[in-house]
Amino acid sequence: MINYQGEDFTETEFYGREILEAIQLTNKFPTPKKVLIEMLEEMIHEQFNLIDKEELNNYIHAKKYVQTLTEDEVKNLCFEVKD
């Protein structure tokens, strides 16, 4: 759980926007774990100097979160963030 401004969020809820953005850029649905991690890494490098540190950290933490999941959990994650 992540507490942000007094509210509790799951990692999926908190990093959903970043994960959904990466999914959309892959043109693969559901997106395989390896591809999703690679896309998040690419987004981090491309946006490194373009966005503020807090937003960049959200992409970094989203990638770390996806890395902790199994392939089946990533598949479910894809459907969850899309909905």
C-alpha atoms as a PDB file:
ATOM      1  CA  MET A   1       0.000   0.000   0.000  1.00  0.00           C
ATOM      2  CA  ILE A   2       1.062   3.531  -0.741  1.00  0.00           C
ATOM      3  CA  ASN A   3      -0.144   6.417   1.371  1.00  0.00           C
ATOM      4  CA  TYR A   4      -0.411   9.591  -0.674  1.00  0.00           C
ATOM      5  CA  GLN A   5      -1.886  12.759   0.787  1.00  0.00           C
ATOM      6  CA  GLY A   6      -3.629  10.780   3.514  1.00  0.00           C
ATOM      7  CA  GLU A   7      -5.186   8.187   1.201  1.00  0.00           C
ATOM      8  CA  ASP A   8      -4.115   4.571   0.781  1.00  0.00           C
ATOM      9  CA  PHE A   9      -3.604   3.190  -2.707  1.00  0.00           C
ATOM     10  CA  THR A  10      -2.480  -0.170  -4.039  1.00  0.00           C
ATOM     11  CA  GLU A  11       0.572  -0.081  -6.281  1.00  0.00           C
ATOM     12  CA  THR A  12      -1.696  -0.800  -9.247  1.00  0.00           C
ATOM     13  CA  GLU A  13      -3.926   2.156  -8.424  1.00  0.00           C
ATOM     14  CA  PHE A  14      -1.003   4.494  -7.761  1.00  0.00           C
ATOM     15  CA  TYR A  15       1.157   3.569 -10.759  1.00  0.00           C
ATOM     16  CA  GLY A  16      -1.708   2.692 -13.104  1.00  0.00           C
ATOM     17  CA  ARG A  17      -1.287   5.770 -15.296  1.00  0.00           C
ATOM     18  CA  GLU A  18       2.387   5.096 -15.934  1.00  0.00           C
ATOM     19  CA  ILE A  19       1.769   1.407 -16.560  1.00  0.00           C
ATOM     20  CA  LEU A  20      -1.152   2.104 -18.911  1.00  0.00           C
ATOM     21  CA  GLU A  21       0.966   4.591 -20.860  1.00  0.00           C
ATOM     22  CA  ALA A  22       3.679   1.948 -21.298  1.00  0.00           C
ATOM     23  CA  ILE A  23       1.108  -0.657 -22.392  1.00  0.00           C
ATOM     24  CA  GLN A  24      -0.324   1.701 -24.994  1.00  0.00           C
ATOM     25  CA  LEU A  25       3.116   2.385 -26.448  1.00  0.00           C
ATOM     26  CA  THR A  26       3.867  -1.316 -26.909  1.00  0.00           C
ATOM     27  CA  ASN A  27       0.866  -2.007 -29.185  1.00  0.00           C
ATOM     28  CA  LYS A  28       0.609  -5.424 -27.473  1.00  0.00           C
ATOM     29  CA  PHE A  29      -2.260  -6.376 -25.210  1.00  0.00           C
ATOM     30  CA  PRO A  30      -1.935  -7.941 -22.804  1.00  0.00           C
ATOM     31  CA  THR A  31       1.667  -6.880 -22.700  1.00  0.00           C
ATOM     32  CA  PRO A  32       4.255  -9.509 -21.709  1.00  0.00           C
ATOM     33  CA  LYS A  33       6.202  -8.671 -18.546  1.00  0.00           C
ATOM     34  CA  LYS A  34       9.561  -8.348 -20.319  1.00  0.00           C
ATOM     35  CA  VAL A  35       8.131  -5.971 -22.937  1.00  0.00           C
ATOM     36  CA  LEU A  36       6.373  -3.859 -20.297  1.00  0.00           C
ATOM     37  CA  ILE A  37       9.562  -3.531 -18.250  1.00  0.00           C
ATOM     38  CA  GLU A  38      11.564  -2.601 -21.357  1.00  0.00           C
ATOM     39  CA  MET A  39       9.007   0.055 -22.321  1.00  0.00           C
ATOM     40  CA  LEU A  40       9.001   1.559 -18.829  1.00  0.00           C
ATOM     41  CA  GLU A  41      12.813   1.652 -18.924  1.00  0.00           C
ATOM     42  CA  GLU A  42      12.730   3.364 -22.317  1.00  0.00           C
ATOM     43  CA  MET A  43      10.217   5.903 -21.047  1.00  0.00           C
ATOM     44  CA  ILE A  44      12.413   6.654 -18.032  1.00  0.00           C
ATOM     45  CA  HIS A  45      15.428   7.320 -20.250  1.00  0.00           C
ATOM     46  CA  GLU A  46      13.477   9.400 -22.772  1.00  0.00           C
ATOM     47  CA  GLN A  47      11.823  11.566 -20.138  1.00  0.00           C
ATOM     48  CA  PHE A  48      14.772  11.852 -17.765  1.00  0.00           C
ATOM     49  CA  ASN A  49      15.370  15.560 -18.429  1.00  0.00           C
ATOM     50  CA  LEU A  50      11.826  16.450 -19.477  1.00  0.00           C
ATOM     51  CA  ILE A  51       9.726  15.811 -16.374  1.00  0.00           C
ATOM     52  CA  ASP A  52      10.093  16.680 -12.702  1.00  0.00           C
ATOM     53  CA  LYS A  53      11.811  14.331 -10.289  1.00  0.00           C
ATOM     54  CA  GLU A  54       8.608  13.191  -8.548  1.00  0.00           C
ATOM     55  CA  GLU A  55       6.962  12.169 -11.811  1.00  0.00           C
ATOM     56  CA  LEU A  56      10.148  10.439 -12.973  1.00  0.00           C
ATOM     57  CA  ASN A  57      10.242   8.529  -9.687  1.00  0.00           C
ATOM     58  CA  ASN A  58       6.717   7.290 -10.371  1.00  0.00           C
ATOM     59  CA  TYR A  59       7.940   5.677 -13.612  1.00  0.00           C
ATOM     60  CA  ILE A  60      10.917   4.176 -11.807  1.00  0.00           C
ATOM     61  CA  HIS A  61       8.751   2.760  -9.030  1.00  0.00           C
ATOM     62  CA  ALA A  62       6.178   1.500 -11.543  1.00  0.00           C
ATOM     63  CA  LYS A  63       8.957  -0.443 -13.279  1.00  0.00           C
ATOM     64  CA  LYS A  64      10.190  -1.857  -9.965  1.00  0.00           C
ATOM     65  CA  TYR A  65       6.633  -2.874  -9.094  1.00  0.00           C
ATOM     66  CA  VAL A  66       6.135  -4.677 -12.418  1.00  0.00           C
ATOM     67  CA  GLN A  67       9.448  -6.495 -11.883  1.00  0.00           C
ATOM     68  CA  THR A  68       8.064  -8.029  -8.669  1.00  0.00           C
ATOM     69  CA  LEU A  69       5.085  -9.589 -10.461  1.00  0.00           C
ATOM     70  CA  THR A  70       4.772 -12.933 -12.188  1.00  0.00           C
ATOM     71  CA  GLU A  71       3.853 -13.151 -15.867  1.00  0.00           C
ATOM     72  CA  ASP A  72       0.248 -14.038 -14.946  1.00  0.00           C
ATOM     73  CA  GLU A  73       0.045 -11.124 -12.519  1.00  0.00           C
ATOM     74  CA  VAL A  74       1.294  -8.767 -15.241  1.00  0.00           C
ATOM     75  CA  LYS A  75      -1.402 -10.075 -17.567  1.00  0.00           C
ATOM     76  CA  ASN A  76      -4.044  -9.352 -14.915  1.00  0.00           C
ATOM     77  CA  LEU A  77      -2.442  -5.963 -14.278  1.00  0.00           C
ATOM     78  CA  CYS A  78      -2.837  -5.074 -17.958  1.00  0.00           C
ATOM     79  CA  PHE A  79      -6.565  -5.728 -17.809  1.00  0.00           C
ATOM     80  CA  GLU A  80      -6.946  -3.930 -14.485  1.00  0.00           C
ATOM     81  CA  VAL A  81      -5.258  -0.689 -15.550  1.00  0.00           C
ATOM     82  CA  LYS A  82      -7.085  -0.710 -18.881  1.00  0.00           C
ATOM     83  CA  ASP A  83     -10.437  -0.860 -17.084  1.00  0.00           C
END
